Amino acid sequence: MKSITINGSKRESVGKRATKDLRNAGQVPCVLYGGGEPLHFSAEEIAFKSLVYTPDVHTVVLDLGKGEKFDAVLQDIQFHPVTDAILHIDFYQVLEGKEIAMEIPIHTKGVARGVKNGGVLRYNLRRLKVKGIPANLPDFIEADVTNLKIGNKLYVTAVVSDDYKILHPDNTVICQVKTSRNIIADVEDEEEEVAAGEVPATEVGAEGATTEEGKE
């Protein structure tokens, strides 16, 4: 998994007045948990651009000066309800050999068979919450949708891996192919029906009688 470095500095005061002054100066108050006592620090808001405003996920190296560096992951973030400015960020320290929980983006692979026949691919999830050793966590989880027909669903069990544990029930749906007004017959399904001795629906009249080609 990719990592980015954020330069910051420890906070000497954590009161409301000090926090307000930080924000007025373009700084974001932050807290690092997971390594014992919470560590309060701040960093320029622009430093979080590559971490927050991206669909990708990263681990973070927090460089607080004087040789103090901490490996961490983003845990929680608060935005201003009107301006969307970053108000506060919580980080969780990554310790060697310790598993962490993260939300990993899902990338689909291929074009669903049902989409080729006029269906629409609908996403139920864009990210999966997983748990594992940071070094084993991928940048994204690939989900192959090639064989999905209209009405089919892709469950989280289709993307299991030995590198991480999926923190969703097995019946959780990632995506599904739904019908649409542009639906057409599935050619492969028709070929299977003919091979089995069934008459394709396209060759049957509205009331079950055969069409002109089928009359003597």
N, C-alpha and C. Protein backbone atom coordinates (compact mmCIF):
# COMPACT_ATOMS: atom_id res chain seq x y z
N MET A 1 0.84 -1.19 0.00
CA MET A 1 0.00 0.00 0.00
C MET A 1 0.88 1.25 0.00
N LYS A 2 0.47 2.25 -0.76
CA LYS A 2 1.23 3.48 -0.85
C LYS A 2 1.20 4.24 0.47
N SER A 3 2.25 5.04 0.67
CA SER A 3 2.34 5.83 1.90
C SER A 3 2.71 7.27 1.54
N ILE A 4 2.16 8.21 2.30
CA ILE A 4 2.52 9.61 2.12
C ILE A 4 2.99 10.18 3.46
N THR A 5 3.81 11.22 3.39
CA THR A 5 4.34 11.85 4.60
C THR A 5 3.65 13.19 4.84
N ILE A 6 3.24 13.40 6.08
CA ILE A 6 2.63 14.67 6.48
C ILE A 6 3.49 15.28 7.58
N ASN A 7 3.95 16.49 7.34
CA ASN A 7 4.78 17.20 8.32
C ASN A 7 3.89 18.03 9.24
N GLY A 8 4.11 17.88 10.52
CA GLY A 8 3.32 18.62 11.50
C GLY A 8 4.15 18.96 12.71
N SER A 9 3.49 19.43 13.74
CA SER A 9 4.17 19.77 14.99
C SER A 9 3.24 19.50 16.16
N LYS A 10 3.86 19.13 17.29
CA LYS A 10 3.07 18.85 18.48
C LYS A 10 2.39 20.12 18.98
N ARG A 11 1.23 19.92 19.59
CA ARG A 11 0.47 21.05 20.14
C ARG A 11 0.79 21.20 21.63
N GLU A 12 1.09 22.42 22.02
CA GLU A 12 1.37 22.69 23.42
C GLU A 12 0.09 22.92 24.21
N SER A 13 -0.94 23.42 23.52
CA SER A 13 -2.21 23.69 24.19
C SER A 13 -3.33 23.06 23.36
N VAL A 14 -4.32 22.46 24.04
CA VAL A 14 -5.41 21.79 23.33
C VAL A 14 -6.77 22.38 23.69
N GLY A 15 -6.79 23.55 24.24
CA GLY A 15 -8.04 24.20 24.61
C GLY A 15 -8.78 24.72 23.39
N LYS A 16 -10.04 25.15 23.61
CA LYS A 16 -10.87 25.65 22.51
C LYS A 16 -10.27 26.88 21.86
N ARG A 17 -9.71 27.77 22.66
CA ARG A 17 -9.13 29.00 22.13
C ARG A 17 -7.93 28.68 21.25
N ALA A 18 -7.09 27.79 21.72
CA ALA A 18 -5.91 27.41 20.95
C ALA A 18 -6.30 26.71 19.65
N THR A 19 -7.34 25.89 19.72
CA THR A 19 -7.82 25.18 18.53
C THR A 19 -8.36 26.16 17.49
N LYS A 20 -9.10 27.15 17.97
CA LYS A 20 -9.64 28.17 17.06
C LYS A 20 -8.53 28.96 16.40
N ASP A 21 -7.50 29.30 17.18
CA ASP A 21 -6.36 30.05 16.63
C ASP A 21 -5.64 29.23 15.56
N LEU A 22 -5.53 27.93 15.77
CA LEU A 22 -4.89 27.05 14.79
C LEU A 22 -5.65 27.08 13.47
N ARG A 23 -6.95 26.93 13.56
CA ARG A 23 -7.78 26.90 12.35
C ARG A 23 -7.72 28.24 11.61
N ASN A 24 -7.69 29.33 12.36
CA ASN A 24 -7.59 30.64 11.73
C ASN A 24 -6.26 30.82 11.02
N ALA A 25 -5.26 30.08 11.44
CA ALA A 25 -3.93 30.15 10.84
C ALA A 25 -3.75 29.12 9.71
N GLY A 26 -4.85 28.45 9.34
CA GLY A 26 -4.77 27.48 8.26
C GLY A 26 -4.23 26.12 8.68
N GLN A 27 -4.23 25.87 9.99
CA GLN A 27 -3.76 24.59 10.53
C GLN A 27 -4.95 23.70 10.90
N VAL A 28 -4.72 22.39 10.86
CA VAL A 28 -5.75 21.42 11.23
C VAL A 28 -5.34 20.72 12.51
N PRO A 29 -6.13 20.80 13.58
CA PRO A 29 -5.83 20.06 14.81
C PRO A 29 -6.05 18.57 14.60
N CYS A 30 -5.11 17.76 15.08
CA CYS A 30 -5.17 16.31 14.88
C CYS A 30 -4.83 15.58 16.18
N VAL A 31 -5.24 14.32 16.24
CA VAL A 31 -4.90 13.47 17.38
C VAL A 31 -4.47 12.11 16.85
N LEU A 32 -3.40 11.58 17.43
CA LEU A 32 -2.91 10.24 17.08
C LEU A 32 -3.20 9.31 18.24
N TYR A 33 -3.99 8.25 17.97
CA TYR A 33 -4.33 7.26 18.99
C TYR A 33 -3.59 5.94 18.70
N GLY A 34 -3.66 5.04 19.67
CA GLY A 34 -3.17 3.69 19.45
C GLY A 34 -1.78 3.40 19.97
N GLY A 35 -1.05 4.41 20.41
CA GLY A 35 0.31 4.17 20.88
C GLY A 35 0.49 4.48 22.35
N GLY A 36 -0.59 4.45 23.10
CA GLY A 36 -0.54 4.81 24.52
C GLY A 36 -1.39 6.04 24.74
N GLU A 37 -0.79 7.11 25.29
CA GLU A 37 -1.50 8.36 25.49
C GLU A 37 -1.75 9.04 24.14
N PRO A 38 -2.95 9.63 23.94
CA PRO A 38 -3.21 10.35 22.69
C PRO A 38 -2.19 11.46 22.46
N LEU A 39 -1.75 11.59 21.22
CA LEU A 39 -0.76 12.60 20.87
C LEU A 39 -1.43 13.69 20.04
N HIS A 40 -1.43 14.92 20.54
CA HIS A 40 -2.07 16.04 19.86
C HIS A 40 -1.04 16.78 19.02
N PHE A 41 -1.39 17.05 17.76
CA PHE A 41 -0.49 17.79 16.87
C PHE A 41 -1.32 18.55 15.85
N SER A 42 -0.66 19.32 15.02
CA SER A 42 -1.35 20.05 13.96
C SER A 42 -0.49 20.07 12.71
N ALA A 43 -1.14 20.31 11.58
CA ALA A 43 -0.44 20.40 10.29
C ALA A 43 -1.24 21.32 9.38
N GLU A 44 -0.58 21.87 8.37
CA GLU A 44 -1.26 22.74 7.43
C GLU A 44 -2.33 21.98 6.68
N GLU A 45 -3.47 22.62 6.44
CA GLU A 45 -4.59 21.95 5.77
C GLU A 45 -4.20 21.44 4.39
N ILE A 46 -3.36 22.17 3.68
CA ILE A 46 -2.96 21.76 2.33
C ILE A 46 -2.16 20.46 2.34
N ALA A 47 -1.58 20.12 3.49
CA ALA A 47 -0.78 18.89 3.59
C ALA A 47 -1.63 17.63 3.48
N PHE A 48 -2.94 17.77 3.70
CA PHE A 48 -3.83 16.61 3.69
C PHE A 48 -4.51 16.41 2.33
N LYS A 49 -4.18 17.24 1.35
CA LYS A 49 -4.83 17.18 0.05
C LYS A 49 -4.72 15.80 -0.59
N SER A 50 -3.51 15.23 -0.59
CA SER A 50 -3.28 13.93 -1.24
C SER A 50 -3.84 12.76 -0.43
N LEU A 51 -4.18 13.02 0.82
CA LEU A 51 -4.71 11.97 1.68
C LEU A 51 -6.23 11.94 1.67
N VAL A 52 -6.84 13.12 1.68
CA VAL A 52 -8.30 13.22 1.84
C VAL A 52 -9.03 13.29 0.51
N TYR A 53 -8.55 14.12 -0.40
CA TYR A 53 -9.28 14.35 -1.65
C TYR A 53 -8.82 13.42 -2.76
N THR A 54 -8.98 12.13 -2.53
CA THR A 54 -8.57 11.11 -3.48
C THR A 54 -9.39 9.85 -3.23
N PRO A 55 -9.67 9.06 -4.27
CA PRO A 55 -10.38 7.79 -4.06
C PRO A 55 -9.46 6.69 -3.54
N ASP A 56 -8.15 6.94 -3.56
CA ASP A 56 -7.19 5.93 -3.13
C ASP A 56 -7.03 5.95 -1.61
N VAL A 57 -6.43 4.90 -1.09
CA VAL A 57 -6.14 4.84 0.34
C VAL A 57 -4.63 4.76 0.54
N HIS A 58 -4.18 5.32 1.64
CA HIS A 58 -2.75 5.35 1.92
C HIS A 58 -2.51 5.11 3.41
N THR A 59 -1.33 4.62 3.71
CA THR A 59 -0.84 4.72 5.07
C THR A 59 -0.12 6.06 5.15
N VAL A 60 0.13 6.53 6.37
CA VAL A 60 0.69 7.87 6.56
C VAL A 60 1.90 7.81 7.47
N VAL A 61 2.91 8.58 7.12
CA VAL A 61 4.04 8.80 8.02
C VAL A 61 3.89 10.21 8.58
N LEU A 62 3.64 10.31 9.87
CA LEU A 62 3.50 11.61 10.53
C LEU A 62 4.87 12.04 11.04
N ASP A 63 5.41 13.08 10.41
CA ASP A 63 6.72 13.61 10.80
C ASP A 63 6.50 14.86 11.64
N LEU A 64 6.72 14.73 12.95
CA LEU A 64 6.44 15.82 13.88
C LEU A 64 7.70 16.55 14.31
N GLY A 65 8.77 16.35 13.58
CA GLY A 65 10.01 17.06 13.87
C GLY A 65 10.83 16.42 14.98
N LYS A 66 12.10 16.83 15.09
CA LYS A 66 13.03 16.34 16.11
C LYS A 66 13.16 14.82 16.05
N GLY A 67 13.03 14.27 14.83
CA GLY A 67 13.22 12.84 14.66
C GLY A 67 12.04 11.98 15.05
N GLU A 68 10.93 12.60 15.40
CA GLU A 68 9.75 11.83 15.80
C GLU A 68 8.87 11.56 14.58
N LYS A 69 8.79 10.29 14.22
CA LYS A 69 7.95 9.86 13.10
C LYS A 69 7.07 8.70 13.54
N PHE A 70 5.82 8.71 13.05
CA PHE A 70 4.87 7.68 13.43
C PHE A 70 4.16 7.16 12.18
N ASP A 71 4.07 5.84 12.05
CA ASP A 71 3.27 5.24 10.98
C ASP A 71 1.82 5.21 11.45
N ALA A 72 0.91 5.63 10.57
CA ALA A 72 -0.49 5.73 10.99
C ALA A 72 -1.43 5.56 9.80
N VAL A 73 -2.72 5.46 10.13
CA VAL A 73 -3.77 5.45 9.11
C VAL A 73 -4.85 6.44 9.54
N LEU A 74 -5.54 6.99 8.56
CA LEU A 74 -6.64 7.92 8.84
C LEU A 74 -7.79 7.17 9.51
N GLN A 75 -8.24 7.68 10.63
CA GLN A 75 -9.31 7.01 11.37
C GLN A 75 -10.64 7.75 11.23
N ASP A 76 -10.62 9.07 11.35
CA ASP A 76 -11.86 9.84 11.28
C ASP A 76 -11.51 11.27 10.88
N ILE A 77 -12.46 11.93 10.20
CA ILE A 77 -12.23 13.29 9.76
C ILE A 77 -13.54 14.08 9.86
N GLN A 78 -13.43 15.33 10.28
CA GLN A 78 -14.60 16.19 10.41
C GLN A 78 -14.44 17.40 9.48
N PHE A 79 -15.54 17.72 8.76
CA PHE A 79 -15.55 18.86 7.85
C PHE A 79 -16.52 19.93 8.34
N HIS A 80 -16.25 21.15 7.95
CA HIS A 80 -17.18 22.24 8.25
C HIS A 80 -18.45 22.02 7.42
N PRO A 81 -19.64 22.12 8.02
CA PRO A 81 -20.88 21.81 7.30
C PRO A 81 -21.19 22.74 6.12
N VAL A 82 -20.58 23.92 6.10
CA VAL A 82 -20.86 24.89 5.04
C VAL A 82 -19.69 25.02 4.06
N THR A 83 -18.48 25.21 4.59
CA THR A 83 -17.32 25.47 3.74
C THR A 83 -16.58 24.20 3.32
N ASP A 84 -16.85 23.06 3.99
CA ASP A 84 -16.15 21.80 3.75
C ASP A 84 -14.68 21.86 4.14
N ALA A 85 -14.29 22.87 4.87
CA ALA A 85 -12.92 22.94 5.37
C ALA A 85 -12.71 21.82 6.40
N ILE A 86 -11.50 21.31 6.48
CA ILE A 86 -11.19 20.24 7.43
C ILE A 86 -11.10 20.84 8.83
N LEU A 87 -11.90 20.32 9.75
CA LEU A 87 -11.93 20.84 11.12
C LEU A 87 -11.04 20.03 12.06
N HIS A 88 -11.00 18.73 11.86
CA HIS A 88 -10.27 17.86 12.80
C HIS A 88 -10.02 16.50 12.15
N ILE A 89 -8.89 15.89 12.47
CA ILE A 89 -8.58 14.56 11.95
C ILE A 89 -8.05 13.69 13.08
N ASP A 90 -8.54 12.45 13.13
CA ASP A 90 -8.01 11.44 14.05
C ASP A 90 -7.20 10.42 13.25
N PHE A 91 -6.04 10.08 13.77
CA PHE A 91 -5.21 9.04 13.18
C PHE A 91 -5.05 7.89 14.17
N TYR A 92 -4.75 6.71 13.63
CA TYR A 92 -4.50 5.55 14.48
C TYR A 92 -3.11 5.03 14.16
N GLN A 93 -2.31 4.88 15.19
CA GLN A 93 -0.92 4.47 14.98
C GLN A 93 -0.82 3.01 14.56
N VAL A 94 0.03 2.77 13.58
CA VAL A 94 0.26 1.42 13.08
C VAL A 94 1.49 0.85 13.78
N LEU A 95 1.30 -0.24 14.48
CA LEU A 95 2.39 -0.90 15.18
C LEU A 95 2.80 -2.16 14.41
N GLU A 96 4.08 -2.46 14.42
CA GLU A 96 4.59 -3.59 13.65
C GLU A 96 3.91 -4.90 14.06
N GLY A 97 3.40 -5.62 13.05
CA GLY A 97 2.78 -6.91 13.29
C GLY A 97 1.35 -6.83 13.78
N LYS A 98 0.81 -5.62 13.95
CA LYS A 98 -0.55 -5.47 14.46
C LYS A 98 -1.51 -5.19 13.32
N GLU A 99 -2.64 -5.90 13.31
CA GLU A 99 -3.64 -5.72 12.27
C GLU A 99 -4.41 -4.41 12.47
N ILE A 100 -4.85 -3.84 11.35
CA ILE A 100 -5.66 -2.64 11.39
C ILE A 100 -6.87 -2.84 10.49
N ALA A 101 -7.91 -2.07 10.71
CA ALA A 101 -9.10 -2.11 9.87
C ALA A 101 -9.10 -0.89 8.96
N MET A 102 -9.35 -1.11 7.67
CA MET A 102 -9.38 -0.02 6.71
C MET A 102 -10.45 -0.27 5.66
N GLU A 103 -10.91 0.81 5.04
CA GLU A 103 -11.83 0.69 3.92
C GLU A 103 -11.03 0.78 2.63
N ILE A 104 -11.09 -0.28 1.82
CA ILE A 104 -10.32 -0.37 0.59
C ILE A 104 -11.27 -0.19 -0.60
N PRO A 105 -10.92 0.65 -1.56
CA PRO A 105 -11.80 0.84 -2.73
C PRO A 105 -11.91 -0.41 -3.59
N ILE A 106 -13.04 -0.57 -4.25
CA ILE A 106 -13.29 -1.71 -5.14
C ILE A 106 -13.17 -1.25 -6.59
N HIS A 107 -12.39 -1.98 -7.38
CA HIS A 107 -12.29 -1.74 -8.81
C HIS A 107 -12.89 -2.95 -9.54
N THR A 108 -13.83 -2.72 -10.42
CA THR A 108 -14.42 -3.83 -11.17
C THR A 108 -13.59 -4.14 -12.40
N LYS A 109 -13.58 -5.43 -12.77
CA LYS A 109 -12.82 -5.90 -13.92
C LYS A 109 -13.78 -6.51 -14.94
N GLY A 110 -13.62 -6.14 -16.21
CA GLY A 110 -14.43 -6.72 -17.27
C GLY A 110 -15.77 -6.00 -17.45
N VAL A 111 -16.49 -6.45 -18.47
CA VAL A 111 -17.83 -5.94 -18.75
C VAL A 111 -18.83 -7.06 -18.49
N ALA A 112 -19.80 -6.82 -17.65
CA ALA A 112 -20.77 -7.85 -17.27
C ALA A 112 -21.56 -8.32 -18.49
N ARG A 113 -21.77 -9.63 -18.56
CA ARG A 113 -22.56 -10.22 -19.65
C ARG A 113 -23.95 -9.60 -19.72
N GLY A 114 -24.54 -9.35 -18.57
CA GLY A 114 -25.87 -8.76 -18.53
C GLY A 114 -25.89 -7.33 -19.05
N VAL A 115 -24.78 -6.61 -18.88
CA VAL A 115 -24.69 -5.24 -19.40
C VAL A 115 -24.65 -5.27 -20.92
N LYS A 116 -23.95 -6.25 -21.49
CA LYS A 116 -23.89 -6.40 -22.95
C LYS A 116 -25.29 -6.66 -23.52
N ASN A 117 -26.15 -7.25 -22.70
CA ASN A 117 -27.50 -7.56 -23.14
C ASN A 117 -28.53 -6.49 -22.73
N GLY A 118 -28.03 -5.32 -22.37
CA GLY A 118 -28.93 -4.21 -22.09
C GLY A 118 -29.20 -3.92 -20.64
N GLY A 119 -28.62 -4.69 -19.74
CA GLY A 119 -28.81 -4.45 -18.32
C GLY A 119 -27.93 -3.32 -17.82
N VAL A 120 -28.07 -2.99 -16.55
CA VAL A 120 -27.31 -1.92 -15.94
C VAL A 120 -26.61 -2.44 -14.69
N LEU A 121 -25.32 -2.15 -14.56
CA LEU A 121 -24.56 -2.57 -13.39
C LEU A 121 -24.75 -1.55 -12.27
N ARG A 122 -25.29 -2.00 -11.15
CA ARG A 122 -25.54 -1.13 -10.01
C ARG A 122 -24.60 -1.51 -8.86
N TYR A 123 -24.00 -0.49 -8.26
CA TYR A 123 -23.07 -0.73 -7.15
C TYR A 123 -23.78 -0.58 -5.81
N ASN A 124 -23.62 -1.58 -4.96
CA ASN A 124 -24.11 -1.50 -3.59
C ASN A 124 -23.01 -0.99 -2.66
N LEU A 125 -21.76 -1.30 -3.01
CA LEU A 125 -20.61 -0.87 -2.24
C LEU A 125 -19.52 -0.36 -3.17
N ARG A 126 -18.85 0.71 -2.74
CA ARG A 126 -17.70 1.22 -3.48
C ARG A 126 -16.40 0.91 -2.75
N ARG A 127 -16.53 0.59 -1.46
CA ARG A 127 -15.38 0.24 -0.63
C ARG A 127 -15.72 -0.95 0.27
N LEU A 128 -14.72 -1.71 0.60
CA LEU A 128 -14.90 -2.83 1.52
C LEU A 128 -14.06 -2.58 2.77
N LYS A 129 -14.66 -2.82 3.93
CA LYS A 129 -13.91 -2.70 5.17
C LYS A 129 -13.23 -4.03 5.45
N VAL A 130 -11.91 -4.00 5.54
CA VAL A 130 -11.14 -5.22 5.75
C VAL A 130 -10.18 -5.02 6.91
N LYS A 131 -9.62 -6.14 7.37
CA LYS A 131 -8.67 -6.09 8.49
C LYS A 131 -7.47 -6.95 8.15
N GLY A 132 -6.29 -6.41 8.41
CA GLY A 132 -5.09 -7.17 8.12
C GLY A 132 -3.83 -6.40 8.48
N ILE A 133 -2.68 -7.02 8.24
CA ILE A 133 -1.40 -6.35 8.45
C ILE A 133 -1.25 -5.28 7.36
N PRO A 134 -0.91 -4.05 7.72
CA PRO A 134 -0.82 -2.98 6.72
C PRO A 134 -0.01 -3.34 5.48
N ALA A 135 1.08 -4.06 5.66
CA ALA A 135 1.93 -4.42 4.52
C ALA A 135 1.21 -5.35 3.54
N ASN A 136 0.19 -6.06 4.02
CA ASN A 136 -0.53 -7.01 3.16
C ASN A 136 -1.78 -6.42 2.52
N LEU A 137 -2.17 -5.23 2.94
CA LEU A 137 -3.40 -4.64 2.41
C LEU A 137 -3.14 -4.04 1.02
N PRO A 138 -4.05 -4.30 0.07
CA PRO A 138 -3.86 -3.80 -1.30
C PRO A 138 -4.29 -2.36 -1.45
N ASP A 139 -3.87 -1.74 -2.56
CA ASP A 139 -4.31 -0.38 -2.88
C ASP A 139 -5.79 -0.39 -3.25
N PHE A 140 -6.25 -1.50 -3.85
CA PHE A 140 -7.66 -1.66 -4.20
C PHE A 140 -7.98 -3.14 -4.30
N ILE A 141 -9.26 -3.48 -4.26
CA ILE A 141 -9.72 -4.86 -4.38
C ILE A 141 -10.39 -5.02 -5.74
N GLU A 142 -9.92 -5.99 -6.51
CA GLU A 142 -10.46 -6.19 -7.86
C GLU A 142 -11.61 -7.19 -7.84
N ALA A 143 -12.73 -6.80 -8.43
CA ALA A 143 -13.92 -7.66 -8.49
C ALA A 143 -14.26 -7.92 -9.96
N ASP A 144 -14.20 -9.18 -10.38
CA ASP A 144 -14.48 -9.55 -11.77
C ASP A 144 -15.99 -9.70 -11.97
N VAL A 145 -16.57 -8.87 -12.86
CA VAL A 145 -18.02 -8.90 -13.09
C VAL A 145 -18.38 -9.51 -14.43
N THR A 146 -17.40 -10.08 -15.13
CA THR A 146 -17.59 -10.55 -16.51
C THR A 146 -18.76 -11.50 -16.66
N ASN A 147 -18.94 -12.44 -15.75
CA ASN A 147 -19.94 -13.50 -15.91
C ASN A 147 -21.31 -13.16 -15.32
N LEU A 148 -21.49 -11.95 -14.85
CA LEU A 148 -22.78 -11.58 -14.26
C LEU A 148 -23.85 -11.40 -15.33
N LYS A 149 -24.92 -12.19 -15.23
CA LYS A 149 -26.07 -12.03 -16.12
C LYS A 149 -27.06 -11.05 -15.50
N ILE A 150 -28.09 -10.70 -16.24
CA ILE A 150 -29.14 -9.84 -15.70
C ILE A 150 -29.81 -10.55 -14.53
N GLY A 151 -29.88 -9.88 -13.41
CA GLY A 151 -30.45 -10.46 -12.21
C GLY A 151 -29.42 -11.06 -11.27
N ASN A 152 -28.18 -11.23 -11.75
CA ASN A 152 -27.12 -11.80 -10.91
C ASN A 152 -26.53 -10.76 -9.97
N LYS A 153 -26.01 -11.24 -8.84
CA LYS A 153 -25.36 -10.38 -7.85
C LYS A 153 -23.94 -10.89 -7.58
N LEU A 154 -23.05 -9.97 -7.27
CA LEU A 154 -21.69 -10.33 -6.88
C LEU A 154 -21.54 -10.08 -5.39
N TYR A 155 -21.24 -11.15 -4.64
CA TYR A 155 -21.13 -11.05 -3.19
C TYR A 155 -19.67 -10.88 -2.76
N VAL A 156 -19.48 -10.46 -1.52
CA VAL A 156 -18.13 -10.25 -1.01
C VAL A 156 -17.32 -11.54 -0.98
N THR A 157 -17.98 -12.68 -0.96
CA THR A 157 -17.28 -13.96 -0.97
C THR A 157 -16.50 -14.17 -2.26
N ALA A 158 -16.79 -13.37 -3.29
CA ALA A 158 -16.08 -13.51 -4.57
C ALA A 158 -14.72 -12.84 -4.54
N VAL A 159 -14.42 -12.05 -3.51
CA VAL A 159 -13.15 -11.34 -3.46
C VAL A 159 -12.37 -11.65 -2.18
N VAL A 160 -12.58 -12.84 -1.62
CA VAL A 160 -11.85 -13.23 -0.41
C VAL A 160 -10.36 -13.37 -0.72
N SER A 161 -9.53 -13.17 0.29
CA SER A 161 -8.09 -13.26 0.11
C SER A 161 -7.44 -13.71 1.42
N ASP A 162 -6.30 -14.36 1.29
CA ASP A 162 -5.55 -14.76 2.48
C ASP A 162 -4.82 -13.57 3.12
N ASP A 163 -4.77 -12.46 2.39
CA ASP A 163 -4.03 -11.30 2.89
C ASP A 163 -4.84 -10.44 3.86
N TYR A 164 -6.15 -10.61 3.87
CA TYR A 164 -6.98 -9.79 4.75
C TYR A 164 -8.30 -10.50 5.05
N LYS A 165 -8.97 -10.02 6.09
CA LYS A 165 -10.27 -10.54 6.47
C LYS A 165 -11.32 -9.49 6.14
N ILE A 166 -12.38 -9.91 5.43
CA ILE A 166 -13.45 -8.99 5.07
C ILE A 166 -14.41 -8.82 6.25
N LEU A 167 -14.65 -7.58 6.64
CA LEU A 167 -15.48 -7.30 7.81
C LEU A 167 -16.93 -7.02 7.41
N HIS A 168 -17.46 -7.84 6.52
CA HIS A 168 -18.85 -7.76 6.08
C HIS A 168 -19.44 -9.17 6.11
N PRO A 169 -20.73 -9.31 6.34
CA PRO A 169 -21.36 -10.64 6.25
C PRO A 169 -21.20 -11.21 4.85
N ASP A 170 -21.20 -12.55 4.75
CA ASP A 170 -21.01 -13.21 3.46
C ASP A 170 -22.09 -12.86 2.43
N ASN A 171 -23.27 -12.48 2.90
CA ASN A 171 -24.37 -12.18 1.97
C ASN A 171 -24.39 -10.70 1.54
N THR A 172 -23.32 -9.98 1.85
CA THR A 172 -23.24 -8.57 1.44
C THR A 172 -22.98 -8.48 -0.06
N VAL A 173 -23.77 -7.67 -0.75
CA VAL A 173 -23.67 -7.54 -2.21
C VAL A 173 -22.76 -6.38 -2.58
N ILE A 174 -21.81 -6.65 -3.46
CA ILE A 174 -20.93 -5.59 -3.98
C ILE A 174 -21.63 -4.85 -5.10
N CYS A 175 -22.15 -5.61 -6.06
CA CYS A 175 -22.85 -5.00 -7.20
C CYS A 175 -23.80 -6.04 -7.80
N GLN A 176 -24.67 -5.58 -8.69
CA GLN A 176 -25.62 -6.47 -9.34
C GLN A 176 -26.03 -5.90 -10.68
N VAL A 177 -26.45 -6.78 -11.58
CA VAL A 177 -26.91 -6.34 -12.89
C VAL A 177 -28.44 -6.33 -12.87
N LYS A 178 -29.01 -5.16 -13.11
CA LYS A 178 -30.46 -5.02 -13.11
C LYS A 178 -30.97 -4.81 -14.52
N THR A 179 -32.23 -5.15 -14.73
CA THR A 179 -32.84 -5.01 -16.05
C THR A 179 -33.07 -3.54 -16.38
N SER A 180 -33.23 -3.26 -17.66
CA SER A 180 -33.51 -1.90 -18.11
C SER A 180 -34.42 -1.96 -19.33
N ARG A 181 -34.86 -0.83 -19.82
CA ARG A 181 -35.74 -0.79 -20.98
C ARG A 181 -35.05 -1.29 -22.24
N ASN A 182 -33.74 -1.27 -22.25
CA ASN A 182 -32.99 -1.66 -23.44
C ASN A 182 -32.59 -3.13 -23.43
N ILE A 183 -33.22 -3.92 -22.58
CA ILE A 183 -32.86 -5.33 -22.46
C ILE A 183 -33.08 -6.08 -23.77
N ILE A 184 -32.13 -6.98 -24.08
CA ILE A 184 -32.24 -7.85 -25.25
C ILE A 184 -32.02 -9.28 -24.79
N ALA A 185 -32.35 -10.23 -25.67
CA ALA A 185 -32.22 -11.64 -25.30
C ALA A 185 -30.75 -12.00 -25.11
N ASP A 186 -30.50 -12.89 -24.18
CA ASP A 186 -29.16 -13.42 -23.97
C ASP A 186 -28.92 -14.51 -24.99
N VAL A 187 -28.06 -14.25 -25.95
CA VAL A 187 -27.82 -15.18 -27.05
C VAL A 187 -27.34 -16.54 -26.56
N GLU A 188 -26.44 -16.54 -25.60
CA GLU A 188 -25.91 -17.80 -25.11
C GLU A 188 -26.99 -18.62 -24.42
N ASP A 189 -27.89 -17.96 -23.71
CA ASP A 189 -28.99 -18.67 -23.06
C ASP A 189 -29.89 -19.32 -24.10
N GLU A 190 -30.14 -18.61 -25.20
CA GLU A 190 -30.99 -19.16 -26.26
C GLU A 190 -30.35 -20.38 -26.89
N GLU A 191 -29.04 -20.33 -27.11
CA GLU A 191 -28.35 -21.46 -27.70
C GLU A 191 -28.43 -22.68 -26.80
N GLU A 192 -28.36 -22.44 -25.48
CA GLU A 192 -28.47 -23.54 -24.53
C GLU A 192 -29.87 -24.14 -24.57
N GLU A 193 -30.89 -23.30 -24.74
CA GLU A 193 -32.27 -23.79 -24.79
C GLU A 193 -32.49 -24.61 -26.05
N VAL A 194 -31.95 -24.18 -27.17
CA VAL A 194 -32.10 -24.93 -28.42
C VAL A 194 -31.42 -26.28 -28.31
N ALA A 195 -30.25 -26.30 -27.72
CA ALA A 195 -29.53 -27.56 -27.56
C ALA A 195 -30.30 -28.54 -26.69
N ALA A 196 -31.09 -28.00 -25.79
CA ALA A 196 -31.87 -28.85 -24.89
C ALA A 196 -33.22 -29.24 -25.50
N GLY A 197 -33.50 -28.79 -26.74
CA GLY A 197 -34.74 -29.14 -27.41
C GLY A 197 -35.88 -28.20 -27.14
N GLU A 198 -35.60 -27.04 -26.52
CA GLU A 198 -36.65 -26.08 -26.23
C GLU A 198 -36.75 -25.08 -27.38
N VAL A 199 -37.96 -24.56 -27.60
CA VAL A 199 -38.17 -23.58 -28.67
C VAL A 199 -37.88 -22.20 -28.13
N PRO A 200 -36.94 -21.45 -28.74
CA PRO A 200 -36.64 -20.10 -28.28
C PRO A 200 -37.88 -19.23 -28.28
N ALA A 201 -37.97 -18.34 -27.32
CA ALA A 201 -39.16 -17.50 -27.19
C ALA A 201 -39.36 -16.62 -28.41
N THR A 202 -38.28 -16.28 -29.11
CA THR A 202 -38.40 -15.39 -30.27
C THR A 202 -39.08 -16.08 -31.44
N GLU A 203 -39.23 -17.39 -31.37
CA GLU A 203 -39.88 -18.11 -32.47
C GLU A 203 -41.29 -18.54 -32.11
N VAL A 204 -41.82 -18.02 -31.01
CA VAL A 204 -43.16 -18.37 -30.58
C VAL A 204 -44.05 -17.15 -30.67
N GLY A 205 -45.28 -17.33 -31.23
CA GLY A 205 -46.20 -16.21 -31.37
C GLY A 205 -46.77 -15.79 -30.04
N ALA A 206 -47.55 -14.73 -30.08
CA ALA A 206 -48.08 -14.15 -28.84
C ALA A 206 -48.96 -15.12 -28.09
N GLU A 207 -49.68 -16.02 -28.81
CA GLU A 207 -50.60 -16.94 -28.13
C GLU A 207 -50.08 -18.36 -28.15
N GLY A 208 -48.76 -18.52 -28.40
CA GLY A 208 -48.19 -19.85 -28.32
C GLY A 208 -48.15 -20.55 -29.65
N ALA A 209 -48.83 -20.04 -30.74
CA ALA A 209 -48.79 -20.67 -32.05
C ALA A 209 -47.49 -20.33 -32.73
N THR A 210 -46.99 -21.19 -33.57
CA THR A 210 -45.75 -20.92 -34.27
C THR A 210 -45.99 -19.84 -35.32
N THR A 211 -44.93 -19.14 -35.66
CA THR A 211 -45.00 -18.06 -36.63
C THR A 211 -45.10 -18.65 -38.03
N GLU A 212 -45.14 -17.75 -39.05
CA GLU A 212 -45.35 -18.20 -40.43
C GLU A 212 -44.32 -19.22 -40.86
N GLU A 213 -43.06 -19.03 -40.41
CA GLU A 213 -42.01 -19.96 -40.80
C GLU A 213 -42.24 -21.35 -40.22
N GLY A 214 -43.02 -21.42 -39.14
CA GLY A 214 -43.22 -22.71 -38.51
C GLY A 214 -44.48 -23.41 -39.03
N LYS A 215 -45.31 -22.74 -39.88
CA LYS A 215 -46.52 -23.36 -40.42
C LYS A 215 -46.18 -24.18 -41.64
N GLU A 216 -47.03 -25.18 -41.93
CA GLU A 216 -46.86 -26.00 -43.13
C GLU A 216 -47.54 -25.31 -44.29
